[in-house]
Amino acid sequence: MIGEEEERDTVMRTMTGVTGGCYRGDFCGAIAGATMAIGCLFGRANPDEMEDARLASTIRMVYDRLKERAVEKYGDTSCQTISHCNWYDPEDVKARRVDGRRDECT
């Protein structure tokens, strides 16, 4: 049986993969991460289970709100726009860690 600490660590490791728009500056990892968290709450562990009716409606509601907020604040939902980082440029990624851009979006 997985303990609470191991479960938290597994979730954190899993969610880390969506940061930096999957390290390509694409879709916002915060929005992707939010949908993953909702999946942890309402998703099914077995494909033979019935899907919880709350899953789709909750994801739609949260996605719409986060997208609206991102577009209002940043003009877009792409990680590259929000983070002000060219994720294809290793030097820009390194510079982002120390120049304050990371304070805007981690």
PDB file of N, CA and C in Angstrom:
ATOM      1  N   MET A   1       0.847  -1.190   0.000  1.00  0.00           N
ATOM      2  CA  MET A   1       0.000   0.000   0.000  1.00  0.00           C
ATOM      3  C   MET A   1       0.885   1.244   0.000  1.00  0.00           C
ATOM      4  N   ILE A   2       0.510   2.208  -0.794  1.00  0.00           N
ATOM      5  CA  ILE A   2       1.271   3.451  -0.888  1.00  0.00           C
ATOM      6  C   ILE A   2       0.874   4.367   0.258  1.00  0.00           C
ATOM      7  N   GLY A   3       1.889   4.903   0.939  1.00  0.00           N
ATOM      8  CA  GLY A   3       1.632   5.846   2.014  1.00  0.00           C
ATOM      9  C   GLY A   3       1.355   7.232   1.466  1.00  0.00           C
ATOM     10  N   GLU A   4       0.872   8.103   2.347  1.00  0.00           N
ATOM     11  CA  GLU A   4       0.503   9.460   1.939  1.00  0.00           C
ATOM     12  C   GLU A   4       1.689  10.226   1.348  1.00  0.00           C
ATOM     13  N   GLU A   5       2.859  10.089   1.971  1.00  0.00           N
ATOM     14  CA  GLU A   5       4.034  10.812   1.470  1.00  0.00           C
ATOM     15  C   GLU A   5       4.454  10.296   0.095  1.00  0.00           C
ATOM     16  N   GLU A   6       4.451   8.983  -0.079  1.00  0.00           N
ATOM     17  CA  GLU A   6       4.816   8.411  -1.372  1.00  0.00           C
ATOM     18  C   GLU A   6       3.805   8.798  -2.441  1.00  0.00           C
ATOM     19  N   GLU A   7       2.524   8.833  -2.056  1.00  0.00           N
ATOM     20  CA  GLU A   7       1.476   9.222  -2.998  1.00  0.00           C
ATOM     21  C   GLU A   7       1.663  10.674  -3.431  1.00  0.00           C
ATOM     22  N   ARG A   8       1.951  11.552  -2.475  1.00  0.00           N
ATOM     23  CA  ARG A   8       2.196  12.962  -2.794  1.00  0.00           C
ATOM     24  C   ARG A   8       3.396  13.089  -3.723  1.00  0.00           C
ATOM     25  N   ASP A   9       4.459  12.359  -3.417  1.00  0.00           N
ATOM     26  CA  ASP A   9       5.660  12.409  -4.252  1.00  0.00           C
ATOM     27  C   ASP A   9       5.371  11.931  -5.677  1.00  0.00           C
ATOM     28  N   THR A  10       4.581  10.882  -5.802  1.00  0.00           N
ATOM     29  CA  THR A  10       4.221  10.366  -7.121  1.00  0.00           C
ATOM     30  C   THR A  10       3.426  11.400  -7.905  1.00  0.00           C
ATOM     31  N   VAL A  11       2.475  12.039  -7.249  1.00  0.00           N
ATOM     32  CA  VAL A  11       1.674  13.073  -7.915  1.00  0.00           C
ATOM     33  C   VAL A  11       2.567  14.235  -8.341  1.00  0.00           C
ATOM     34  N   MET A  12       3.456  14.675  -7.474  1.00  0.00           N
ATOM     35  CA  MET A  12       4.347  15.789  -7.810  1.00  0.00           C
ATOM     36  C   MET A  12       5.245  15.432  -8.993  1.00  0.00           C
ATOM     37  N   ARG A  13       5.799  14.228  -8.995  1.00  0.00           N
ATOM     38  CA  ARG A  13       6.648  13.811 -10.114  1.00  0.00           C
ATOM     39  C   ARG A  13       5.848  13.778 -11.415  1.00  0.00           C
ATOM     40  N   THR A  14       4.631  13.264 -11.334  1.00  0.00           N
ATOM     41  CA  THR A  14       3.779  13.183 -12.516  1.00  0.00           C
ATOM     42  C   THR A  14       3.441  14.568 -13.048  1.00  0.00           C
ATOM     43  N   MET A  15       3.078  15.478 -12.166  1.00  0.00           N
ATOM     44  CA  MET A  15       2.669  16.825 -12.572  1.00  0.00           C
ATOM     45  C   MET A  15       3.848  17.637 -13.104  1.00  0.00           C
ATOM     46  N   THR A  16       5.052  17.347 -12.653  1.00  0.00           N
ATOM     47  CA  THR A  16       6.220  18.097 -13.100  1.00  0.00           C
ATOM     48  C   THR A  16       6.399  17.995 -14.611  1.00  0.00           C
ATOM     49  N   GLY A  17       5.949  16.927 -15.198  1.00  0.00           N
ATOM     50  CA  GLY A  17       6.090  16.738 -16.639  1.00  0.00           C
ATOM     51  C   GLY A  17       5.351  17.751 -17.489  1.00  0.00           C
ATOM     52  N   VAL A  18       4.380  18.456 -16.915  1.00  0.00           N
ATOM     53  CA  VAL A  18       3.630  19.428 -17.714  1.00  0.00           C
ATOM     54  C   VAL A  18       4.185  20.841 -17.579  1.00  0.00           C
ATOM     55  N   THR A  19       5.237  21.024 -16.783  1.00  0.00           N
ATOM     56  CA  THR A  19       5.800  22.362 -16.633  1.00  0.00           C
ATOM     57  C   THR A  19       6.484  22.806 -17.910  1.00  0.00           C
ATOM     58  N   GLY A  20       6.561  24.092 -18.075  1.00  0.00           N
ATOM     59  CA  GLY A  20       7.198  24.634 -19.276  1.00  0.00           C
ATOM     60  C   GLY A  20       6.463  24.252 -20.544  1.00  0.00           C
ATOM     61  N   GLY A  21       5.135  24.046 -20.420  1.00  0.00           N
ATOM     62  CA  GLY A  21       4.384  23.623 -21.611  1.00  0.00           C
ATOM     63  C   GLY A  21       4.968  22.342 -22.163  1.00  0.00           C
ATOM     64  N   CYS A  22       5.229  21.394 -21.259  1.00  0.00           N
ATOM     65  CA  CYS A  22       5.918  20.139 -21.580  1.00  0.00           C
ATOM     66  C   CYS A  22       7.315  20.431 -22.124  1.00  0.00           C
ATOM     67  N   TYR A  23       7.915  21.469 -21.553  1.00  0.00           N
ATOM     68  CA  TYR A  23       9.267  21.908 -21.907  1.00  0.00           C
ATOM     69  C   TYR A  23       9.388  22.327 -23.372  1.00  0.00           C
ATOM     70  N   ARG A  24       8.279  22.783 -23.926  1.00  0.00           N
ATOM     71  CA  ARG A  24       8.283  23.262 -25.304  1.00  0.00           C
ATOM     72  C   ARG A  24       7.575  24.600 -25.436  1.00  0.00           C
ATOM     73  N   GLY A  25       7.078  25.147 -24.329  1.00  0.00           N
ATOM     74  CA  GLY A  25       6.422  26.443 -24.377  1.00  0.00           C
ATOM     75  C   GLY A  25       5.010  26.386 -24.917  1.00  0.00           C
ATOM     76  N   ASP A  26       4.462  25.193 -25.002  1.00  0.00           N
ATOM     77  CA  ASP A  26       3.115  25.051 -25.537  1.00  0.00           C
ATOM     78  C   ASP A  26       2.075  25.326 -24.457  1.00  0.00           C
ATOM     79  N   PHE A  27       1.095  24.481 -24.377  1.00  0.00           N
ATOM     80  CA  PHE A  27      -0.050  24.677 -23.494  1.00  0.00           C
ATOM     81  C   PHE A  27       0.363  24.883 -22.038  1.00  0.00           C
ATOM     82  N   CYS A  28      -0.285  25.802 -21.363  1.00  0.00           N
ATOM     83  CA  CYS A  28       0.016  26.159 -19.978  1.00  0.00           C
ATOM     84  C   CYS A  28      -0.051  24.942 -19.048  1.00  0.00           C
ATOM     85  N   GLY A  29       1.046  24.686 -18.353  1.00  0.00           N
ATOM     86  CA  GLY A  29       1.117  23.560 -17.431  1.00  0.00           C
ATOM     87  C   GLY A  29       0.191  23.692 -16.243  1.00  0.00           C
ATOM     88  N   ALA A  30      -0.118  24.929 -15.834  1.00  0.00           N
ATOM     89  CA  ALA A  30      -1.046  25.120 -14.714  1.00  0.00           C
ATOM     90  C   ALA A  30      -2.438  24.625 -15.092  1.00  0.00           C
ATOM     91  N   ILE A  31      -2.850  24.905 -16.307  1.00  0.00           N
ATOM     92  CA  ILE A  31      -4.164  24.434 -16.759  1.00  0.00           C
ATOM     93  C   ILE A  31      -4.138  22.917 -16.924  1.00  0.00           C
ATOM     94  N   ALA A  32      -3.085  22.401 -17.536  1.00  0.00           N
ATOM     95  CA  ALA A  32      -2.971  20.947 -17.693  1.00  0.00           C
ATOM     96  C   ALA A  32      -2.911  20.265 -16.330  1.00  0.00           C
ATOM     97  N   GLY A  33      -2.147  20.847 -15.402  1.00  0.00           N
ATOM     98  CA  GLY A  33      -2.041  20.285 -14.060  1.00  0.00           C
ATOM     99  C   GLY A  33      -3.362  20.294 -13.317  1.00  0.00           C
ATOM    100  N   ALA A  34      -4.133  21.363 -13.498  1.00  0.00           N
ATOM    101  CA  ALA A  34      -5.447  21.437 -12.848  1.00  0.00           C
ATOM    102  C   ALA A  34      -6.357  20.323 -13.346  1.00  0.00           C
ATOM    103  N   THR A  35      -6.315  20.050 -14.648  1.00  0.00           N
ATOM    104  CA  THR A  35      -7.155  18.975 -15.167  1.00  0.00           C
ATOM    105  C   THR A  35      -6.676  17.612 -14.670  1.00  0.00           C
ATOM    106  N   MET A  36      -5.368  17.474 -14.484  1.00  0.00           N
ATOM    107  CA  MET A  36      -4.839  16.225 -13.930  1.00  0.00           C
ATOM    108  C   MET A  36      -5.292  16.045 -12.482  1.00  0.00           C
ATOM    109  N   ALA A  37      -5.290  17.128 -11.716  1.00  0.00           N
ATOM    110  CA  ALA A  37      -5.731  17.055 -10.321  1.00  0.00           C
ATOM    111  C   ALA A  37      -7.207  16.681 -10.242  1.00  0.00           C
ATOM    112  N   ILE A  38      -8.008  17.233 -11.128  1.00  0.00           N
ATOM    113  CA  ILE A  38      -9.431  16.881 -11.161  1.00  0.00           C
ATOM    114  C   ILE A  38      -9.580  15.405 -11.513  1.00  0.00           C
ATOM    115  N   GLY A  39      -8.743  14.932 -12.419  1.00  0.00           N
ATOM    116  CA  GLY A  39      -8.753  13.513 -12.749  1.00  0.00           C
ATOM    117  C   GLY A  39      -8.436  12.645 -11.542  1.00  0.00           C
ATOM    118  N   CYS A  40      -7.533  13.114 -10.674  1.00  0.00           N
ATOM    119  CA  CYS A  40      -7.224  12.373  -9.445  1.00  0.00           C
ATOM    120  C   CYS A  40      -8.450  12.286  -8.539  1.00  0.00           C
ATOM    121  N   LEU A  41      -9.261  13.333  -8.553  1.00  0.00           N
ATOM    122  CA  LEU A  41     -10.458  13.349  -7.703  1.00  0.00           C
ATOM    123  C   LEU A  41     -11.603  12.528  -8.280  1.00  0.00           C
ATOM    124  N   PHE A  42     -11.867  12.702  -9.568  1.00  0.00           N
ATOM    125  CA  PHE A  42     -13.069  12.124 -10.161  1.00  0.00           C
ATOM    126  C   PHE A  42     -12.794  11.095 -11.250  1.00  0.00           C
ATOM    127  N   GLY A  43     -11.531  10.889 -11.588  1.00  0.00           N
ATOM    128  CA  GLY A  43     -11.193   9.945 -12.650  1.00  0.00           C
ATOM    129  C   GLY A  43     -11.371   8.506 -12.199  1.00  0.00           C
ATOM    130  N   ARG A  44     -11.303   7.640 -13.145  1.00  0.00           N
ATOM    131  CA  ARG A  44     -11.470   6.220 -12.827  1.00  0.00           C
ATOM    132  C   ARG A  44     -10.116   5.523 -12.859  1.00  0.00           C
ATOM    133  N   ALA A  45      -9.933   4.588 -11.965  1.00  0.00           N
ATOM    134  CA  ALA A  45      -8.687   3.836 -11.889  1.00  0.00           C
ATOM    135  C   ALA A  45      -8.721   2.634 -12.823  1.00  0.00           C
ATOM    136  N   ASN A  46      -9.904   2.247 -13.223  1.00  0.00           N
ATOM    137  CA  ASN A  46     -10.087   1.061 -14.047  1.00  0.00           C
ATOM    138  C   ASN A  46     -10.930   1.452 -15.266  1.00  0.00           C
ATOM    139  N   PRO A  47     -10.494   1.138 -16.468  1.00  0.00           N
ATOM    140  CA  PRO A  47     -11.264   1.534 -17.654  1.00  0.00           C
ATOM    141  C   PRO A  47     -12.647   0.902 -17.732  1.00  0.00           C
ATOM    142  N   ASP A  48     -12.882  -0.148 -16.950  1.00  0.00           N
ATOM    143  CA  ASP A  48     -14.194  -0.792 -16.945  1.00  0.00           C
ATOM    144  C   ASP A  48     -15.187  -0.082 -16.030  1.00  0.00           C
ATOM    145  N   GLU A  49     -14.700   0.846 -15.200  1.00  0.00           N
ATOM    146  CA  GLU A  49     -15.587   1.598 -14.307  1.00  0.00           C
ATOM    147  C   GLU A  49     -16.372   2.632 -15.100  1.00  0.00           C
ATOM    148  N   MET A  50     -17.520   2.994 -14.566  1.00  0.00           N
ATOM    149  CA  MET A  50     -18.292   4.094 -15.155  1.00  0.00           C
ATOM    150  C   MET A  50     -17.578   5.395 -14.822  1.00  0.00           C
ATOM    151  N   GLU A  51     -17.581   6.334 -15.759  1.00  0.00           N
ATOM    152  CA  GLU A  51     -16.963   7.634 -15.523  1.00  0.00           C
ATOM    153  C   GLU A  51     -17.855   8.452 -14.594  1.00  0.00           C
ATOM    154  N   ASP A  52     -17.241   9.094 -13.614  1.00  0.00           N
ATOM    155  CA  ASP A  52     -17.957   9.972 -12.697  1.00  0.00           C
ATOM    156  C   ASP A  52     -18.471  11.168 -13.492  1.00  0.00           C
ATOM    157  N   ALA A  53     -19.752  11.444 -13.384  1.00  0.00           N
ATOM    158  CA  ALA A  53     -20.370  12.534 -14.144  1.00  0.00           C
ATOM    159  C   ALA A  53     -19.755  13.889 -13.817  1.00  0.00           C
ATOM    160  N   ARG A  54     -19.146  14.016 -12.653  1.00  0.00           N
ATOM    161  CA  ARG A  54     -18.544  15.295 -12.252  1.00  0.00           C
ATOM    162  C   ARG A  54     -17.245  15.582 -12.994  1.00  0.00           C
ATOM    163  N   LEU A  55     -16.619  14.570 -13.556  1.00  0.00           N
ATOM    164  CA  LEU A  55     -15.315  14.751 -14.199  1.00  0.00           C
ATOM    165  C   LEU A  55     -15.367  15.774 -15.334  1.00  0.00           C
ATOM    166  N   ALA A  56     -16.163  15.519 -16.339  1.00  0.00           N
ATOM    167  CA  ALA A  56     -16.198  16.400 -17.515  1.00  0.00           C
ATOM    168  C   ALA A  56     -16.683  17.796 -17.154  1.00  0.00           C
ATOM    169  N   SER A  57     -17.731  17.897 -16.356  1.00  0.00           N
ATOM    170  CA  SER A  57     -18.273  19.223 -16.032  1.00  0.00           C
ATOM    171  C   SER A  57     -17.294  20.034 -15.193  1.00  0.00           C
ATOM    172  N   THR A  58     -16.589  19.382 -14.279  1.00  0.00           N
ATOM    173  CA  THR A  58     -15.619  20.095 -13.445  1.00  0.00           C
ATOM    174  C   THR A  58     -14.423  20.542 -14.278  1.00  0.00           C
ATOM    175  N   ILE A  59     -13.934  19.672 -15.136  1.00  0.00           N
ATOM    176  CA  ILE A  59     -12.811  20.051 -16.000  1.00  0.00           C
ATOM    177  C   ILE A  59     -13.200  21.218 -16.899  1.00  0.00           C
ATOM    178  N   ARG A  60     -14.383  21.159 -17.492  1.00  0.00           N
ATOM    179  CA  ARG A  60     -14.820  22.268 -18.359  1.00  0.00           C
ATOM    180  C   ARG A  60     -14.885  23.582 -17.585  1.00  0.00           C
ATOM    181  N   MET A  61     -15.456  23.539 -16.384  1.00  0.00           N
ATOM    182  CA  MET A  61     -15.601  24.753 -15.585  1.00  0.00           C
ATOM    183  C   MET A  61     -14.232  25.324 -15.198  1.00  0.00           C
ATOM    184  N   VAL A  62     -13.353  24.482 -14.683  1.00  0.00           N
ATOM    185  CA  VAL A  62     -12.030  24.939 -14.250  1.00  0.00           C
ATOM    186  C   VAL A  62     -11.203  25.397 -15.451  1.00  0.00           C
ATOM    187  N   TYR A  63     -11.222  24.635 -16.520  1.00  0.00           N
ATOM    188  CA  TYR A  63     -10.486  25.004 -17.734  1.00  0.00           C
ATOM    189  C   TYR A  63     -10.934  26.373 -18.233  1.00  0.00           C
ATOM    190  N   ASP A  64     -12.253  26.566 -18.339  1.00  0.00           N
ATOM    191  CA  ASP A  64     -12.768  27.843 -18.845  1.00  0.00           C
ATOM    192  C   ASP A  64     -12.335  29.011 -17.968  1.00  0.00           C
ATOM    193  N   ARG A  65     -12.403  28.830 -16.655  1.00  0.00           N
ATOM    194  CA  ARG A  65     -12.001  29.908 -15.731  1.00  0.00           C
ATOM    195  C   ARG A  65     -10.508  30.210 -15.835  1.00  0.00           C
ATOM    196  N   LEU A  66      -9.687  29.173 -15.832  1.00  0.00           N
ATOM    197  CA  LEU A  66      -8.241  29.387 -15.912  1.00  0.00           C
ATOM    198  C   LEU A  66      -7.835  29.975 -17.260  1.00  0.00           C
ATOM    199  N   LYS A  67      -8.453  29.500 -18.321  1.00  0.00           N
ATOM    200  CA  LYS A  67      -8.146  30.043 -19.646  1.00  0.00           C
ATOM    201  C   LYS A  67      -8.521  31.518 -19.706  1.00  0.00           C
ATOM    202  N   GLU A  68      -9.700  31.849 -19.209  1.00  0.00           N
ATOM    203  CA  GLU A  68     -10.145  33.246 -19.216  1.00  0.00           C
ATOM    204  C   GLU A  68      -9.177  34.134 -18.432  1.00  0.00           C
ATOM    205  N   ARG A  69      -8.762  33.670 -17.255  1.00  0.00           N
ATOM    206  CA  ARG A  69      -7.827  34.449 -16.431  1.00  0.00           C
ATOM    207  C   ARG A  69      -6.474  34.605 -17.124  1.00  0.00           C
ATOM    208  N   ALA A  70      -5.991  33.533 -17.741  1.00  0.00           N
ATOM    209  CA  ALA A  70      -4.694  33.607 -18.427  1.00  0.00           C
ATOM    210  C   ALA A  70      -4.758  34.566 -19.608  1.00  0.00           C
ATOM    211  N   VAL A  71      -5.825  34.501 -20.366  1.00  0.00           N
ATOM    212  CA  VAL A  71      -5.958  35.384 -21.526  1.00  0.00           C
ATOM    213  C   VAL A  71      -6.083  36.836 -21.076  1.00  0.00           C
ATOM    214  N   GLU A  72      -6.848  37.082 -19.995  1.00  0.00           N
ATOM    215  CA  GLU A  72      -6.971  38.450 -19.473  1.00  0.00           C
ATOM    216  C   GLU A  72      -5.620  38.990 -19.015  1.00  0.00           C
ATOM    217  N   LYS A  73      -4.871  38.167 -18.300  1.00  0.00           N
ATOM    218  CA  LYS A  73      -3.615  38.630 -17.706  1.00  0.00           C
ATOM    219  C   LYS A  73      -2.446  38.623 -18.690  1.00  0.00           C
ATOM    220  N   TYR A  74      -2.356  37.564 -19.510  1.00  0.00           N
ATOM    221  CA  TYR A  74      -1.177  37.386 -20.359  1.00  0.00           C
ATOM    222  C   TYR A  74      -1.462  37.498 -21.858  1.00  0.00           C
ATOM    223  N   GLY A  75      -2.733  37.418 -22.232  1.00  0.00           N
ATOM    224  CA  GLY A  75      -3.094  37.489 -23.640  1.00  0.00           C
ATOM    225  C   GLY A  75      -3.122  36.150 -24.348  1.00  0.00           C
ATOM    226  N   ASP A  76      -2.804  35.072 -23.635  1.00  0.00           N
ATOM    227  CA  ASP A  76      -2.684  33.767 -24.281  1.00  0.00           C
ATOM    228  C   ASP A  76      -2.619  32.687 -23.200  1.00  0.00           C
ATOM    229  N   THR A  77      -2.712  31.429 -23.624  1.00  0.00           N
ATOM    230  CA  THR A  77      -2.529  30.316 -22.691  1.00  0.00           C
ATOM    231  C   THR A  77      -1.262  29.531 -22.987  1.00  0.00           C
ATOM    232  N   SER A  78      -0.437  30.024 -23.885  1.00  0.00           N
ATOM    233  CA  SER A  78       0.801  29.296 -24.177  1.00  0.00           C
ATOM    234  C   SER A  78       1.841  29.607 -23.106  1.00  0.00           C
ATOM    235  N   CYS A  79       2.553  28.603 -22.721  1.00  0.00           N
ATOM    236  CA  CYS A  79       3.586  28.752 -21.699  1.00  0.00           C
ATOM    237  C   CYS A  79       4.644  29.765 -22.131  1.00  0.00           C
ATOM    238  N   GLN A  80       5.006  29.741 -23.388  1.00  0.00           N
ATOM    239  CA  GLN A  80       6.054  30.639 -23.862  1.00  0.00           C
ATOM    240  C   GLN A  80       5.640  32.101 -23.684  1.00  0.00           C
ATOM    241  N   THR A  81       4.380  32.412 -23.945  1.00  0.00           N
ATOM    242  CA  THR A  81       3.891  33.778 -23.761  1.00  0.00           C
ATOM    243  C   THR A  81       3.846  34.140 -22.285  1.00  0.00           C
ATOM    244  N   ILE A  82       3.307  33.247 -21.470  1.00  0.00           N
ATOM    245  CA  ILE A  82       3.141  33.518 -20.040  1.00  0.00           C
ATOM    246  C   ILE A  82       4.489  33.601 -19.329  1.00  0.00           C
ATOM    247  N   SER A  83       5.393  32.684 -19.648  1.00  0.00           N
ATOM    248  CA  SER A  83       6.679  32.603 -18.945  1.00  0.00           C
ATOM    249  C   SER A  83       7.749  33.530 -19.519  1.00  0.00           C
ATOM    250  N   HIS A  84       7.478  34.107 -20.682  1.00  0.00           N
ATOM    251  CA  HIS A  84       8.467  34.962 -21.356  1.00  0.00           C
ATOM    252  C   HIS A  84       9.787  34.209 -21.541  1.00  0.00           C
ATOM    253  N   CYS A  85       9.664  32.945 -21.952  1.00  0.00           N
ATOM    254  CA  CYS A  85      10.851  32.108 -22.099  1.00  0.00           C
ATOM    255  C   CYS A  85      10.770  31.304 -23.388  1.00  0.00           C
ATOM    256  N   ASN A  86      11.884  31.243 -24.086  1.00  0.00           N
ATOM    257  CA  ASN A  86      12.001  30.381 -25.249  1.00  0.00           C
ATOM    258  C   ASN A  86      12.521  29.034 -24.752  1.00  0.00           C
ATOM    259  N   TRP A  87      11.632  28.094 -24.572  1.00  0.00           N
ATOM    260  CA  TRP A  87      11.980  26.800 -23.991  1.00  0.00           C
ATOM    261  C   TRP A  87      12.861  25.963 -24.909  1.00  0.00           C
ATOM    262  N   TYR A  88      13.021  26.363 -26.154  1.00  0.00           N
ATOM    263  CA  TYR A  88      13.922  25.672 -27.074  1.00  0.00           C
ATOM    264  C   TYR A  88      15.357  26.158 -26.926  1.00  0.00           C
ATOM    265  N   ASP A  89      15.559  27.227 -26.172  1.00  0.00           N
ATOM    266  CA  ASP A  89      16.883  27.827 -26.001  1.00  0.00           C
ATOM    267  C   ASP A  89      17.391  27.549 -24.582  1.00  0.00           C
ATOM    268  N   PRO A  90      18.314  26.599 -24.413  1.00  0.00           N
ATOM    269  CA  PRO A  90      18.801  26.250 -23.073  1.00  0.00           C
ATOM    270  C   PRO A  90      19.348  27.446 -22.293  1.00  0.00           C
ATOM    271  N   GLU A  91      19.962  28.390 -22.986  1.00  0.00           N
ATOM    272  CA  GLU A  91      20.504  29.569 -22.295  1.00  0.00           C
ATOM    273  C   GLU A  91      19.383  30.453 -21.756  1.00  0.00           C
ATOM    274  N   ASP A  92      18.296  30.581 -22.506  1.00  0.00           N
ATOM    275  CA  ASP A  92      17.158  31.369 -22.036  1.00  0.00           C
ATOM    276  C   ASP A  92      16.492  30.683 -20.846  1.00  0.00           C
ATOM    277  N   VAL A  93      16.412  29.365 -20.874  1.00  0.00           N
ATOM    278  CA  VAL A  93      15.837  28.617 -19.751  1.00  0.00           C
ATOM    279  C   VAL A  93      16.688  28.831 -18.501  1.00  0.00           C
ATOM    280  N   LYS A  94      18.004  28.761 -18.626  1.00  0.00           N
ATOM    281  CA  LYS A  94      18.901  29.007 -17.487  1.00  0.00           C
ATOM    282  C   LYS A  94      18.752  30.432 -16.977  1.00  0.00           C
ATOM    283  N   ALA A  95      18.724  31.393 -17.894  1.00  0.00           N
ATOM    284  CA  ALA A  95      18.611  32.801 -17.504  1.00  0.00           C
ATOM    285  C   ALA A  95      17.302  33.063 -16.773  1.00  0.00           C
ATOM    286  N   ARG A  96      16.236  32.413 -17.191  1.00  0.00           N
ATOM    287  CA  ARG A  96      14.919  32.599 -16.574  1.00  0.00           C
ATOM    288  C   ARG A  96      14.933  32.239 -15.090  1.00  0.00           C
ATOM    289  N   ARG A  97      15.767  31.305 -14.720  1.00  0.00           N
ATOM    290  CA  ARG A  97      15.828  30.871 -13.322  1.00  0.00           C
ATOM    291  C   ARG A  97      16.333  31.963 -12.395  1.00  0.00           C
ATOM    292  N   VAL A  98      17.098  32.907 -12.925  1.00  0.00           N
ATOM    293  CA  VAL A  98      17.731  33.909 -12.053  1.00  0.00           C
ATOM    294  C   VAL A  98      17.328  35.349 -12.345  1.00  0.00           C
ATOM    295  N   ASP A  99      16.681  35.612 -13.469  1.00  0.00           N
ATOM    296  CA  ASP A  99      16.427  37.010 -13.841  1.00  0.00           C
ATOM    297  C   ASP A  99      15.053  37.549 -13.443  1.00  0.00           C
ATOM    298  N   GLY A 100      14.290  36.796 -12.680  1.00  0.00           N
ATOM    299  CA  GLY A 100      13.007  37.293 -12.194  1.00  0.00           C
ATOM    300  C   GLY A 100      11.804  36.833 -12.988  1.00  0.00           C
ATOM    301  N   ARG A 101      12.011  36.314 -14.183  1.00  0.00           N
ATOM    302  CA  ARG A 101      10.860  35.848 -14.967  1.00  0.00           C
ATOM    303  C   ARG A 101      10.157  34.681 -14.280  1.00  0.00           C
ATOM    304  N   ARG A 102      10.907  33.912 -13.526  1.00  0.00           N
ATOM    305  CA  ARG A 102      10.313  32.763 -12.848  1.00  0.00           C
ATOM    306  C   ARG A 102       9.346  33.205 -11.752  1.00  0.00           C
ATOM    307  N   ASP A 103       9.510  34.420 -11.255  1.00  0.00           N
ATOM    308  CA  ASP A 103       8.606  34.939 -10.231  1.00  0.00           C
ATOM    309  C   ASP A 103       7.190  35.108 -10.777  1.00  0.00           C
ATOM    310  N   GLU A 104       7.077  35.363 -12.067  1.00  0.00           N
ATOM    311  CA  GLU A 104       5.771  35.561 -12.703  1.00  0.00           C
ATOM    312  C   GLU A 104       5.020  34.241 -12.827  1.00  0.00           C
ATOM    313  N   CYS A 105       5.741  33.206 -13.197  1.00  0.00           N
ATOM    314  CA  CYS A 105       5.123  31.900 -13.397  1.00  0.00           C
ATOM    315  C   CYS A 105       6.183  30.831 -13.136  1.00  0.00           C
ATOM    316  N   THR A 106       5.889  29.914 -12.240  1.00  0.00           N
ATOM    317  CA  THR A 106       6.850  28.861 -11.952  1.00  0.00           C
ATOM    318  C   THR A 106       6.408  27.595 -12.614  1.00  0.00           C
TER     319      THR A 106
END
